[in-house]
Amino acid sequence: MIHDPILDEVRSIRETIAQEHDYDVSAIFAMFRQNAAASNREHVNLSASTPIGTSRAAQLSVAADEAPPRR
């Protein structure tokens, strides 16, 4: 297996963050949300992307109807 130094660094950072929050996923995401709110950068808000009253199944069926035919 080839060791990628970038992946090793990412995994190390992930492990450090997990340890700092006692491997509590809720605490980790709360930290990410807090960091995003404090940042001056624009972030994606997925909650606003789904029209109210439209089910996911309905969205997928419309998307399938609009997709070009497969060959």
Protein backbone atom coordinates (compact mmCIF):
# COMPACT_ATOMS: atom_id res chain seq x y z
CA MET A 1 0.00 0.00 0.00
CA ILE A 2 1.28 3.44 -0.91
CA HIS A 3 1.35 5.94 1.94
CA ASP A 4 0.11 9.37 0.97
CA PRO A 5 1.45 12.07 3.31
CA ILE A 6 -1.60 14.29 2.70
CA LEU A 7 -3.99 11.52 3.71
CA ASP A 8 -1.84 10.75 6.73
CA GLU A 9 -2.09 14.41 7.79
CA VAL A 10 -5.87 14.51 7.26
CA ARG A 11 -6.32 11.34 9.28
CA SER A 12 -4.13 12.72 12.05
CA ILE A 13 -6.19 15.92 12.20
CA ARG A 14 -9.42 13.89 12.20
CA GLU A 15 -8.15 11.78 15.10
CA THR A 16 -7.07 14.87 17.06
CA ILE A 17 -10.48 16.52 16.63
CA ALA A 18 -12.23 13.29 17.66
CA GLN A 19 -10.07 12.94 20.77
CA GLU A 20 -10.65 16.58 21.76
CA HIS A 21 -14.42 15.94 21.70
CA ASP A 22 -14.32 12.47 23.33
CA TYR A 23 -15.43 10.89 20.04
CA ASP A 24 -18.87 12.53 20.47
CA VAL A 25 -20.23 13.12 16.96
CA SER A 26 -22.74 15.72 18.21
CA ALA A 27 -19.97 17.71 19.87
CA ILE A 28 -17.79 17.49 16.76
CA PHE A 29 -20.58 18.80 14.52
CA ALA A 30 -21.41 21.54 17.04
CA MET A 31 -17.77 22.65 16.82
CA PHE A 32 -17.95 22.64 13.00
CA ARG A 33 -21.18 24.68 13.07
CA GLN A 34 -19.64 27.16 15.53
CA ASN A 35 -16.53 27.53 13.35
CA ALA A 36 -18.68 28.07 10.25
CA ALA A 37 -20.78 30.73 12.01
CA ALA A 38 -17.66 32.57 13.19
CA SER A 39 -16.09 32.46 9.74
CA ASN A 40 -16.41 35.25 7.19
CA ARG A 41 -16.70 32.71 4.38
CA GLU A 42 -19.91 31.80 2.61
CA HIS A 43 -21.15 28.27 3.35
CA VAL A 44 -23.65 25.99 1.64
CA ASN A 45 -27.02 25.77 3.36
CA LEU A 46 -28.69 22.53 2.27
CA SER A 47 -31.82 23.13 4.33
CA ALA A 48 -32.95 25.83 1.89
CA SER A 49 -32.37 23.72 -1.25
CA THR A 50 -35.45 21.48 -0.86
CA PRO A 51 -38.77 23.12 -1.72
CA ILE A 52 -41.27 22.93 1.13
CA GLY A 53 -43.87 20.21 0.63
CA THR A 54 -41.89 18.31 -1.99
CA SER A 55 -40.86 14.80 -1.04
CA ARG A 56 -37.43 13.48 -1.93
CA ALA A 57 -39.03 10.73 -4.04
CA ALA A 58 -40.95 13.34 -6.05
CA GLN A 59 -37.76 15.33 -6.62
CA LEU A 60 -35.93 12.23 -7.84
CA SER A 61 -38.73 11.24 -10.23
CA VAL A 62 -38.77 14.75 -11.76
CA ALA A 63 -34.98 14.70 -12.06
CA ALA A 64 -35.14 11.30 -13.78
CA ASP A 65 -37.75 12.60 -16.25
CA GLU A 66 -35.55 15.58 -17.13
CA ALA A 67 -32.35 13.57 -17.50
CA PRO A 68 -31.13 12.72 -21.00
CA PRO A 69 -31.76 9.13 -22.04
CA ARG A 70 -29.02 6.62 -21.29
CA ARG A 71 -27.38 4.89 -24.20
